[in-house]
Amino acid sequence: MLFTAMAAHSHIKQGVLFDLEHVIAGAPKNLTAKAETVPKGEDITKRIELRHGNFFEEVPASQCYIMGHIIHDWDDEHCLRILGSIRRAIDDVRRRRHGEA
């Protein structure tokens, strides 16, 4: 999903693919395969940063989040933890933009 969004919107300077470590380990191969499906030109994979972690604890700060095949797998308590991680990260971005401590 991230690759498709980045390919369709060249003004997006950077995207972060965030998942568990074993998933991210296979991401370069998958991104390379995706890159072969688009017309030659810009290498979209260079705009995608790969990061691993646990979304129950923390997610990278960003202005936008795309979640595919995630929330439906978890009960309400776990969904609230995931969304809470995202909320905290978005709040951090907002505070930095507005010079708040």
PDB file of N, CA and C in Angstrom:
ATOM      1  N   MET A   1       0.815  -1.192   0.000  1.00  0.00           N
ATOM      2  CA  MET A   1       0.000   0.000   0.000  1.00  0.00           C
ATOM      3  C   MET A   1       0.862   1.262   0.000  1.00  0.00           C
ATOM      4  N   LEU A   2       1.924   1.259   0.797  1.00  0.00           N
ATOM      5  CA  LEU A   2       2.799   2.426   0.858  1.00  0.00           C
ATOM      6  C   LEU A   2       3.459   2.676  -0.486  1.00  0.00           C
ATOM      7  N   PHE A   3       3.968   1.634  -1.106  1.00  0.00           N
ATOM      8  CA  PHE A   3       4.632   1.787  -2.398  1.00  0.00           C
ATOM      9  C   PHE A   3       3.663   2.384  -3.423  1.00  0.00           C
ATOM     10  N   THR A   4       2.453   1.885  -3.460  1.00  0.00           N
ATOM     11  CA  THR A   4       1.450   2.366  -4.412  1.00  0.00           C
ATOM     12  C   THR A   4       1.138   3.837  -4.176  1.00  0.00           C
ATOM     13  N   ALA A   5       0.986   4.224  -2.911  1.00  0.00           N
ATOM     14  CA  ALA A   5       0.724   5.630  -2.590  1.00  0.00           C
ATOM     15  C   ALA A   5       1.893   6.510  -3.006  1.00  0.00           C
ATOM     16  N   MET A   6       3.100   6.053  -2.743  1.00  0.00           N
ATOM     17  CA  MET A   6       4.291   6.837  -3.087  1.00  0.00           C
ATOM     18  C   MET A   6       4.445   6.939  -4.608  1.00  0.00           C
ATOM     19  N   ALA A   7       4.133   5.879  -5.325  1.00  0.00           N
ATOM     20  CA  ALA A   7       4.229   5.900  -6.787  1.00  0.00           C
ATOM     21  C   ALA A   7       3.213   6.859  -7.392  1.00  0.00           C
ATOM     22  N   ALA A   8       2.040   6.926  -6.801  1.00  0.00           N
ATOM     23  CA  ALA A   8       0.981   7.784  -7.330  1.00  0.00           C
ATOM     24  C   ALA A   8       1.151   9.250  -6.945  1.00  0.00           C
ATOM     25  N   HIS A   9       1.928   9.511  -5.911  1.00  0.00           N
ATOM     26  CA  HIS A   9       2.059  10.872  -5.388  1.00  0.00           C
ATOM     27  C   HIS A   9       3.525  11.225  -5.210  1.00  0.00           C
ATOM     28  N   SER A  10       4.141  11.681  -6.266  1.00  0.00           N
ATOM     29  CA  SER A  10       5.578  11.964  -6.249  1.00  0.00           C
ATOM     30  C   SER A  10       5.955  13.105  -5.302  1.00  0.00           C
ATOM     31  N   HIS A  11       4.974  13.915  -4.888  1.00  0.00           N
ATOM     32  CA  HIS A  11       5.262  15.004  -3.952  1.00  0.00           C
ATOM     33  C   HIS A  11       5.514  14.497  -2.528  1.00  0.00           C
ATOM     34  N   ILE A  12       5.167  13.242  -2.254  1.00  0.00           N
ATOM     35  CA  ILE A  12       5.465  12.665  -0.940  1.00  0.00           C
ATOM     36  C   ILE A  12       6.952  12.350  -0.920  1.00  0.00           C
ATOM     37  N   LYS A  13       7.682  13.032  -0.057  1.00  0.00           N
ATOM     38  CA  LYS A  13       9.145  12.940  -0.053  1.00  0.00           C
ATOM     39  C   LYS A  13       9.662  11.670   0.604  1.00  0.00           C
ATOM     40  N   GLN A  14       8.965  11.198   1.635  1.00  0.00           N
ATOM     41  CA  GLN A  14       9.441  10.020   2.347  1.00  0.00           C
ATOM     42  C   GLN A  14       8.279   9.261   2.955  1.00  0.00           C
ATOM     43  N   GLY A  15       8.384   7.952   2.906  1.00  0.00           N
ATOM     44  CA  GLY A  15       7.442   7.077   3.580  1.00  0.00           C
ATOM     45  C   GLY A  15       8.227   6.121   4.457  1.00  0.00           C
ATOM     46  N   VAL A  16       7.603   5.660   5.517  1.00  0.00           N
ATOM     47  CA  VAL A  16       8.244   4.718   6.420  1.00  0.00           C
ATOM     48  C   VAL A  16       7.416   3.442   6.439  1.00  0.00           C
ATOM     49  N   LEU A  17       8.052   2.340   6.079  1.00  0.00           N
ATOM     50  CA  LEU A  17       7.419   1.030   6.199  1.00  0.00           C
ATOM     51  C   LEU A  17       7.811   0.489   7.562  1.00  0.00           C
ATOM     52  N   PHE A  18       6.829   0.296   8.432  1.00  0.00           N
ATOM     53  CA  PHE A  18       7.061  -0.082   9.820  1.00  0.00           C
ATOM     54  C   PHE A  18       6.346  -1.387  10.109  1.00  0.00           C
ATOM     55  N   ASP A  19       7.094  -2.364  10.588  1.00  0.00           N
ATOM     56  CA  ASP A  19       6.508  -3.662  10.912  1.00  0.00           C
ATOM     57  C   ASP A  19       7.469  -4.400  11.836  1.00  0.00           C
ATOM     58  N   LEU A  20       7.121  -5.611  12.160  1.00  0.00           N
ATOM     59  CA  LEU A  20       7.999  -6.434  12.983  1.00  0.00           C
ATOM     60  C   LEU A  20       9.309  -6.703  12.249  1.00  0.00           C
ATOM     61  N   GLU A  21      10.356  -6.984  13.000  1.00  0.00           N
ATOM     62  CA  GLU A  21      11.688  -7.146  12.421  1.00  0.00           C
ATOM     63  C   GLU A  21      11.741  -8.208  11.340  1.00  0.00           C
ATOM     64  N   HIS A  22      11.105  -9.352  11.561  1.00  0.00           N
ATOM     65  CA  HIS A  22      11.165 -10.421  10.545  1.00  0.00           C
ATOM     66  C   HIS A  22      10.418 -10.043   9.264  1.00  0.00           C
ATOM     67  N   VAL A  23       9.429  -9.188   9.368  1.00  0.00           N
ATOM     68  CA  VAL A  23       8.704  -8.722   8.182  1.00  0.00           C
ATOM     69  C   VAL A  23       9.563  -7.722   7.413  1.00  0.00           C
ATOM     70  N   ILE A  24      10.166  -6.789   8.130  1.00  0.00           N
ATOM     71  CA  ILE A  24      11.016  -5.778   7.504  1.00  0.00           C
ATOM     72  C   ILE A  24      12.227  -6.432   6.834  1.00  0.00           C
ATOM     73  N   ALA A  25      12.702  -7.542   7.390  1.00  0.00           N
ATOM     74  CA  ALA A  25      13.849  -8.240   6.793  1.00  0.00           C
ATOM     75  C   ALA A  25      13.553  -8.666   5.358  1.00  0.00           C
ATOM     76  N   GLY A  26      12.305  -8.981   5.051  1.00  0.00           N
ATOM     77  CA  GLY A  26      11.930  -9.389   3.699  1.00  0.00           C
ATOM     78  C   GLY A  26      11.460  -8.251   2.811  1.00  0.00           C
ATOM     79  N   ALA A  27      11.376  -7.061   3.367  1.00  0.00           N
ATOM     80  CA  ALA A  27      10.827  -5.923   2.628  1.00  0.00           C
ATOM     81  C   ALA A  27      11.646  -5.506   1.413  1.00  0.00           C
ATOM     82  N   PRO A  28      12.983  -5.477   1.477  1.00  0.00           N
ATOM     83  CA  PRO A  28      13.733  -5.049   0.290  1.00  0.00           C
ATOM     84  C   PRO A  28      13.410  -5.888  -0.950  1.00  0.00           C
ATOM     85  N   LYS A  29      13.299  -7.180  -0.785  1.00  0.00           N
ATOM     86  CA  LYS A  29      12.962  -8.074  -1.910  1.00  0.00           C
ATOM     87  C   LYS A  29      11.569  -7.735  -2.459  1.00  0.00           C
ATOM     88  N   ASN A  30      10.619  -7.525  -1.557  1.00  0.00           N
ATOM     89  CA  ASN A  30       9.258  -7.206  -1.979  1.00  0.00           C
ATOM     90  C   ASN A  30       9.179  -5.847  -2.666  1.00  0.00           C
ATOM     91  N   LEU A  31       9.900  -4.856  -2.142  1.00  0.00           N
ATOM     92  CA  LEU A  31       9.896  -3.527  -2.756  1.00  0.00           C
ATOM     93  C   LEU A  31      10.547  -3.555  -4.137  1.00  0.00           C
ATOM     94  N   THR A  32      11.621  -4.323  -4.269  1.00  0.00           N
ATOM     95  CA  THR A  32      12.284  -4.441  -5.574  1.00  0.00           C
ATOM     96  C   THR A  32      11.335  -5.056  -6.591  1.00  0.00           C
ATOM     97  N   ALA A  33      10.603  -6.066  -6.188  1.00  0.00           N
ATOM     98  CA  ALA A  33       9.623  -6.690  -7.092  1.00  0.00           C
ATOM     99  C   ALA A  33       8.542  -5.695  -7.481  1.00  0.00           C
ATOM    100  N   LYS A  34       8.077  -4.892  -6.520  1.00  0.00           N
ATOM    101  CA  LYS A  34       7.073  -3.861  -6.820  1.00  0.00           C
ATOM    102  C   LYS A  34       7.625  -2.832  -7.787  1.00  0.00           C
ATOM    103  N   ALA A  35       8.881  -2.434  -7.577  1.00  0.00           N
ATOM    104  CA  ALA A  35       9.502  -1.405  -8.419  1.00  0.00           C
ATOM    105  C   ALA A  35       9.575  -1.853  -9.869  1.00  0.00           C
ATOM    106  N   GLU A  36       9.677  -3.133 -10.091  1.00  0.00           N
ATOM    107  CA  GLU A  36       9.753  -3.654 -11.456  1.00  0.00           C
ATOM    108  C   GLU A  36       8.418  -3.571 -12.187  1.00  0.00           C
ATOM    109  N   THR A  37       7.340  -3.283 -11.460  1.00  0.00           N
ATOM    110  CA  THR A  37       6.016  -3.217 -12.075  1.00  0.00           C
ATOM    111  C   THR A  37       5.636  -1.811 -12.537  1.00  0.00           C
ATOM    112  N   VAL A  38       6.461  -0.814 -12.213  1.00  0.00           N
ATOM    113  CA  VAL A  38       6.160   0.560 -12.613  1.00  0.00           C
ATOM    114  C   VAL A  38       7.096   0.983 -13.736  1.00  0.00           C
ATOM    115  N   PRO A  39       6.679   1.968 -14.532  1.00  0.00           N
ATOM    116  CA  PRO A  39       7.548   2.431 -15.612  1.00  0.00           C
ATOM    117  C   PRO A  39       8.904   2.891 -15.083  1.00  0.00           C
ATOM    118  N   LYS A  40       9.907   2.730 -15.910  1.00  0.00           N
ATOM    119  CA  LYS A  40      11.264   3.142 -15.513  1.00  0.00           C
ATOM    120  C   LYS A  40      11.277   4.637 -15.230  1.00  0.00           C
ATOM    121  N   GLY A  41      12.143   5.030 -14.380  1.00  0.00           N
ATOM    122  CA  GLY A  41      12.249   6.440 -13.983  1.00  0.00           C
ATOM    123  C   GLY A  41      12.730   6.493 -12.555  1.00  0.00           C
ATOM    124  N   GLU A  42      12.031   7.248 -11.742  1.00  0.00           N
ATOM    125  CA  GLU A  42      12.428   7.398 -10.351  1.00  0.00           C
ATOM    126  C   GLU A  42      12.382   6.059  -9.612  1.00  0.00           C
ATOM    127  N   ASP A  43      13.358   5.843  -8.759  1.00  0.00           N
ATOM    128  CA  ASP A  43      13.365   4.661  -7.904  1.00  0.00           C
ATOM    129  C   ASP A  43      12.611   5.002  -6.623  1.00  0.00           C
ATOM    130  N   ILE A  44      11.367   4.619  -6.581  1.00  0.00           N
ATOM    131  CA  ILE A  44      10.494   4.943  -5.451  1.00  0.00           C
ATOM    132  C   ILE A  44      11.021   4.331  -4.160  1.00  0.00           C
ATOM    133  N   THR A  45      11.704   3.208  -4.270  1.00  0.00           N
ATOM    134  CA  THR A  45      12.201   2.547  -3.058  1.00  0.00           C
ATOM    135  C   THR A  45      13.186   3.424  -2.287  1.00  0.00           C
ATOM    136  N   LYS A  46      13.831   4.363  -2.969  1.00  0.00           N
ATOM    137  CA  LYS A  46      14.768   5.260  -2.282  1.00  0.00           C
ATOM    138  C   LYS A  46      14.058   6.247  -1.374  1.00  0.00           C
ATOM    139  N   ARG A  47      12.749   6.410  -1.553  1.00  0.00           N
ATOM    140  CA  ARG A  47      11.969   7.311  -0.712  1.00  0.00           C
ATOM    141  C   ARG A  47      11.289   6.572   0.438  1.00  0.00           C
ATOM    142  N   ILE A  48      11.531   5.271   0.536  1.00  0.00           N
ATOM    143  CA  ILE A  48      10.888   4.469   1.578  1.00  0.00           C
ATOM    144  C   ILE A  48      11.937   4.015   2.591  1.00  0.00           C
ATOM    145  N   GLU A  49      11.735   4.416   3.826  1.00  0.00           N
ATOM    146  CA  GLU A  49      12.612   4.003   4.918  1.00  0.00           C
ATOM    147  C   GLU A  49      12.017   2.758   5.574  1.00  0.00           C
ATOM    148  N   LEU A  50      12.852   1.792   5.862  1.00  0.00           N
ATOM    149  CA  LEU A  50      12.413   0.560   6.514  1.00  0.00           C
ATOM    150  C   LEU A  50      12.756   0.630   7.997  1.00  0.00           C
ATOM    151  N   ARG A  51      11.739   0.455   8.842  1.00  0.00           N
ATOM    152  CA  ARG A  51      11.959   0.481  10.296  1.00  0.00           C
ATOM    153  C   ARG A  51      11.163  -0.635  10.936  1.00  0.00           C
ATOM    154  N   HIS A  52      11.761  -1.244  11.933  1.00  0.00           N
ATOM    155  CA  HIS A  52      11.035  -2.303  12.631  1.00  0.00           C
ATOM    156  C   HIS A  52      10.759  -1.893  14.072  1.00  0.00           C
ATOM    157  N   GLY A  53       9.726  -2.483  14.604  1.00  0.00           N
ATOM    158  CA  GLY A  53       9.347  -2.196  15.975  1.00  0.00           C
ATOM    159  C   GLY A  53       8.026  -2.859  16.312  1.00  0.00           C
ATOM    160  N   ASN A  54       7.457  -2.436  17.422  1.00  0.00           N
ATOM    161  CA  ASN A  54       6.220  -3.007  17.929  1.00  0.00           C
ATOM    162  C   ASN A  54       5.187  -1.885  18.030  1.00  0.00           C
ATOM    163  N   PHE A  55       4.152  -1.933  17.200  1.00  0.00           N
ATOM    164  CA  PHE A  55       3.192  -0.826  17.181  1.00  0.00           C
ATOM    165  C   PHE A  55       2.328  -0.746  18.432  1.00  0.00           C
ATOM    166  N   PHE A  56       2.417  -1.758  19.289  1.00  0.00           N
ATOM    167  CA  PHE A  56       1.722  -1.647  20.578  1.00  0.00           C
ATOM    168  C   PHE A  56       2.469  -0.698  21.507  1.00  0.00           C
ATOM    169  N   GLU A  57       3.756  -0.514  21.255  1.00  0.00           N
ATOM    170  CA  GLU A  57       4.573   0.315  22.131  1.00  0.00           C
ATOM    171  C   GLU A  57       4.838   1.702  21.561  1.00  0.00           C
ATOM    172  N   GLU A  58       5.224   1.752  20.277  1.00  0.00           N
ATOM    173  CA  GLU A  58       5.608   3.031  19.684  1.00  0.00           C
ATOM    174  C   GLU A  58       5.637   2.887  18.165  1.00  0.00           C
ATOM    175  N   VAL A  59       5.276   3.960  17.483  1.00  0.00           N
ATOM    176  CA  VAL A  59       5.397   4.009  16.025  1.00  0.00           C
ATOM    177  C   VAL A  59       6.208   5.249  15.656  1.00  0.00           C
ATOM    178  N   PRO A  60       6.832   5.244  14.484  1.00  0.00           N
ATOM    179  CA  PRO A  60       7.587   6.434  14.062  1.00  0.00           C
ATOM    180  C   PRO A  60       6.659   7.642  13.914  1.00  0.00           C
ATOM    181  N   ALA A  61       7.168   8.807  14.248  1.00  0.00           N
ATOM    182  CA  ALA A  61       6.394  10.040  14.100  1.00  0.00           C
ATOM    183  C   ALA A  61       6.137  10.296  12.616  1.00  0.00           C
ATOM    184  N   SER A  62       4.930  10.721  12.293  1.00  0.00           N
ATOM    185  CA  SER A  62       4.553  10.983  10.911  1.00  0.00           C
ATOM    186  C   SER A  62       3.329  11.891  10.895  1.00  0.00           C
ATOM    187  N   GLN A  63       3.010  12.386   9.717  1.00  0.00           N
ATOM    188  CA  GLN A  63       1.797  13.184   9.547  1.00  0.00           C
ATOM    189  C   GLN A  63       0.639  12.350   9.027  1.00  0.00           C
ATOM    190  N   CYS A  64       0.963  11.169   8.515  1.00  0.00           N
ATOM    191  CA  CYS A  64      -0.061  10.319   7.920  1.00  0.00           C
ATOM    192  C   CYS A  64       0.296   8.857   8.174  1.00  0.00           C
ATOM    193  N   TYR A  65      -0.708   8.053   8.436  1.00  0.00           N
ATOM    194  CA  TYR A  65      -0.497   6.624   8.661  1.00  0.00           C
ATOM    195  C   TYR A  65      -1.438   5.840   7.756  1.00  0.00           C
ATOM    196  N   ILE A  66      -0.905   4.814   7.126  1.00  0.00           N
ATOM    197  CA  ILE A  66      -1.698   3.889   6.328  1.00  0.00           C
ATOM    198  C   ILE A  66      -1.570   2.535   7.002  1.00  0.00           C
ATOM    199  N   MET A  67      -2.687   1.984   7.416  1.00  0.00           N
ATOM    200  CA  MET A  67      -2.653   0.668   8.051  1.00  0.00           C
ATOM    201  C   MET A  67      -3.449  -0.301   7.192  1.00  0.00           C
ATOM    202  N   GLY A  68      -2.788  -1.341   6.753  1.00  0.00           N
ATOM    203  CA  GLY A  68      -3.475  -2.347   5.956  1.00  0.00           C
ATOM    204  C   GLY A  68      -3.443  -3.686   6.662  1.00  0.00           C
ATOM    205  N   HIS A  69      -4.592  -4.293   6.801  1.00  0.00           N
ATOM    206  CA  HIS A  69      -4.695  -5.627   7.387  1.00  0.00           C
ATOM    207  C   HIS A  69      -4.138  -5.668   8.809  1.00  0.00           C
ATOM    208  N   ILE A  70      -4.507  -4.682   9.614  1.00  0.00           N
ATOM    209  CA  ILE A  70      -3.989  -4.626  10.985  1.00  0.00           C
ATOM    210  C   ILE A  70      -5.131  -4.637  11.996  1.00  0.00           C
ATOM    211  N   ILE A  71      -5.912  -3.592  12.009  1.00  0.00           N
ATOM    212  CA  ILE A  71      -6.915  -3.402  13.060  1.00  0.00           C
ATOM    213  C   ILE A  71      -7.912  -4.561  13.140  1.00  0.00           C
ATOM    214  N   HIS A  72      -8.298  -5.113  12.031  1.00  0.00           N
ATOM    215  CA  HIS A  72      -9.302  -6.186  12.040  1.00  0.00           C
ATOM    216  C   HIS A  72      -8.821  -7.448  12.747  1.00  0.00           C
ATOM    217  N   ASP A  73      -7.511  -7.569  12.943  1.00  0.00           N
ATOM    218  CA  ASP A  73      -6.945  -8.768  13.565  1.00  0.00           C
ATOM    219  C   ASP A  73      -6.958  -8.736  15.092  1.00  0.00           C
ATOM    220  N   TRP A  74      -7.317  -7.605  15.673  1.00  0.00           N
ATOM    221  CA  TRP A  74      -7.152  -7.432  17.113  1.00  0.00           C
ATOM    222  C   TRP A  74      -8.468  -7.091  17.797  1.00  0.00           C
ATOM    223  N   ASP A  75      -8.543  -7.443  19.083  1.00  0.00           N
ATOM    224  CA  ASP A  75      -9.723  -7.072  19.868  1.00  0.00           C
ATOM    225  C   ASP A  75      -9.658  -5.573  20.184  1.00  0.00           C
ATOM    226  N   ASP A  76     -10.730  -5.060  20.772  1.00  0.00           N
ATOM    227  CA  ASP A  76     -10.823  -3.618  21.031  1.00  0.00           C
ATOM    228  C   ASP A  76      -9.670  -3.093  21.877  1.00  0.00           C
ATOM    229  N   GLU A  77      -9.281  -3.823  22.908  1.00  0.00           N
ATOM    230  CA  GLU A  77      -8.206  -3.369  23.790  1.00  0.00           C
ATOM    231  C   GLU A  77      -6.900  -3.197  23.014  1.00  0.00           C
ATOM    232  N   HIS A  78      -6.575  -4.163  22.183  1.00  0.00           N
ATOM    233  CA  HIS A  78      -5.339  -4.072  21.400  1.00  0.00           C
ATOM    234  C   HIS A  78      -5.435  -2.974  20.332  1.00  0.00           C
ATOM    235  N   CYS A  79      -6.597  -2.832  19.728  1.00  0.00           N
ATOM    236  CA  CYS A  79      -6.782  -1.754  18.741  1.00  0.00           C
ATOM    237  C   CYS A  79      -6.564  -0.386  19.384  1.00  0.00           C
ATOM    238  N   LEU A  80      -7.081  -0.215  20.590  1.00  0.00           N
ATOM    239  CA  LEU A  80      -6.883   1.052  21.287  1.00  0.00           C
ATOM    240  C   LEU A  80      -5.411   1.293  21.607  1.00  0.00           C
ATOM    241  N   ARG A  81      -4.670   0.254  21.900  1.00  0.00           N
ATOM    242  CA  ARG A  81      -3.227   0.408  22.143  1.00  0.00           C
ATOM    243  C   ARG A  81      -2.508   0.831  20.864  1.00  0.00           C
ATOM    244  N   ILE A  82      -2.850   0.214  19.742  1.00  0.00           N
ATOM    245  CA  ILE A  82      -2.241   0.581  18.454  1.00  0.00           C
ATOM    246  C   ILE A  82      -2.564   2.035  18.129  1.00  0.00           C
ATOM    247  N   LEU A  83      -3.835   2.383  18.209  1.00  0.00           N
ATOM    248  CA  LEU A  83      -4.256   3.746  17.890  1.00  0.00           C
ATOM    249  C   LEU A  83      -3.673   4.752  18.882  1.00  0.00           C
ATOM    250  N   GLY A  84      -3.494   4.340  20.119  1.00  0.00           N
ATOM    251  CA  GLY A  84      -2.864   5.213  21.110  1.00  0.00           C
ATOM    252  C   GLY A  84      -1.409   5.501  20.759  1.00  0.00           C
ATOM    253  N   SER A  85      -0.699   4.491  20.254  1.00  0.00           N
ATOM    254  CA  SER A  85       0.686   4.694  19.809  1.00  0.00           C
ATOM    255  C   SER A  85       0.740   5.702  18.673  1.00  0.00           C
ATOM    256  N   ILE A  86      -0.197   5.580  17.765  1.00  0.00           N
ATOM    257  CA  ILE A  86      -0.247   6.506  16.626  1.00  0.00           C
ATOM    258  C   ILE A  86      -0.589   7.913  17.116  1.00  0.00           C
ATOM    259  N   ARG A  87      -1.535   8.007  18.005  1.00  0.00           N
ATOM    260  CA  ARG A  87      -1.927   9.317  18.544  1.00  0.00           C
ATOM    261  C   ARG A  87      -0.738  10.016  19.213  1.00  0.00           C
ATOM    262  N   ARG A  88       0.020   9.273  20.016  1.00  0.00           N
ATOM    263  CA  ARG A  88       1.180   9.870  20.690  1.00  0.00           C
ATOM    264  C   ARG A  88       2.212  10.351  19.666  1.00  0.00           C
ATOM    265  N   ALA A  89       2.420   9.569  18.622  1.00  0.00           N
ATOM    266  CA  ALA A  89       3.392   9.956  17.592  1.00  0.00           C
ATOM    267  C   ALA A  89       2.930  11.199  16.839  1.00  0.00           C
ATOM    268  N   ILE A  90       1.650  11.268  16.513  1.00  0.00           N
ATOM    269  CA  ILE A  90       1.105  12.448  15.835  1.00  0.00           C
ATOM    270  C   ILE A  90       1.208  13.674  16.742  1.00  0.00           C
ATOM    271  N   ASP A  91       0.911  13.497  18.017  1.00  0.00           N
ATOM    272  CA  ASP A  91       1.031  14.611  18.965  1.00  0.00           C
ATOM    273  C   ASP A  91       2.462  15.118  19.029  1.00  0.00           C
ATOM    274  N   ASP A  92       3.446  14.205  18.975  1.00  0.00           N
ATOM    275  CA  ASP A  92       4.852  14.618  18.973  1.00  0.00           C
ATOM    276  C   ASP A  92       5.167  15.474  17.747  1.00  0.00           C
ATOM    277  N   VAL A  93       4.662  15.087  16.594  1.00  0.00           N
ATOM    278  CA  VAL A  93       4.877  15.861  15.362  1.00  0.00           C
ATOM    279  C   VAL A  93       4.257  17.242  15.512  1.00  0.00           C
ATOM    280  N   ARG A  94       3.040  17.290  16.009  1.00  0.00           N
ATOM    281  CA  ARG A  94       2.340  18.572  16.196  1.00  0.00           C
ATOM    282  C   ARG A  94       3.104  19.484  17.144  1.00  0.00           C
ATOM    283  N   ARG A  95       3.557  18.937  18.256  1.00  0.00           N
ATOM    284  CA  ARG A  95       4.300  19.752  19.237  1.00  0.00           C
ATOM    285  C   ARG A  95       5.597  20.302  18.616  1.00  0.00           C
ATOM    286  N   ARG A  96       6.303  19.475  17.860  1.00  0.00           N
ATOM    287  CA  ARG A  96       7.545  19.948  17.224  1.00  0.00           C
ATOM    288  C   ARG A  96       7.258  21.040  16.219  1.00  0.00           C
ATOM    289  N   ARG A  97       6.180  20.898  15.463  1.00  0.00           N
ATOM    290  CA  ARG A  97       5.826  21.922  14.459  1.00  0.00           C
ATOM    291  C   ARG A  97       5.502  23.253  15.093  1.00  0.00           C
ATOM    292  N   HIS A  98       4.908  23.203  16.275  1.00  0.00           N
ATOM    293  CA  HIS A  98       4.467  24.426  16.927  1.00  0.00           C
ATOM    294  C   HIS A  98       5.420  24.882  18.024  1.00  0.00           C
ATOM    295  N   GLY A  99       6.580  24.243  18.089  1.00  0.00           N
ATOM    296  CA  GLY A  99       7.604  24.652  19.045  1.00  0.00           C
ATOM    297  C   GLY A  99       7.246  24.426  20.490  1.00  0.00           C
ATOM    298  N   GLU A 100       6.352  23.481  20.741  1.00  0.00           N
ATOM    299  CA  GLU A 100       5.968  23.177  22.117  1.00  0.00           C
ATOM    300  C   GLU A 100       6.946  22.173  22.705  1.00  0.00           C
ATOM    301  N   ALA A 101       7.063  22.184  24.015  1.00  0.00           N
ATOM    302  CA  ALA A 101       7.948  21.232  24.707  1.00  0.00           C
ATOM    303  C   ALA A 101       7.272  19.915  24.906  1.00  0.00           C
TER     304      ALA A 101
END
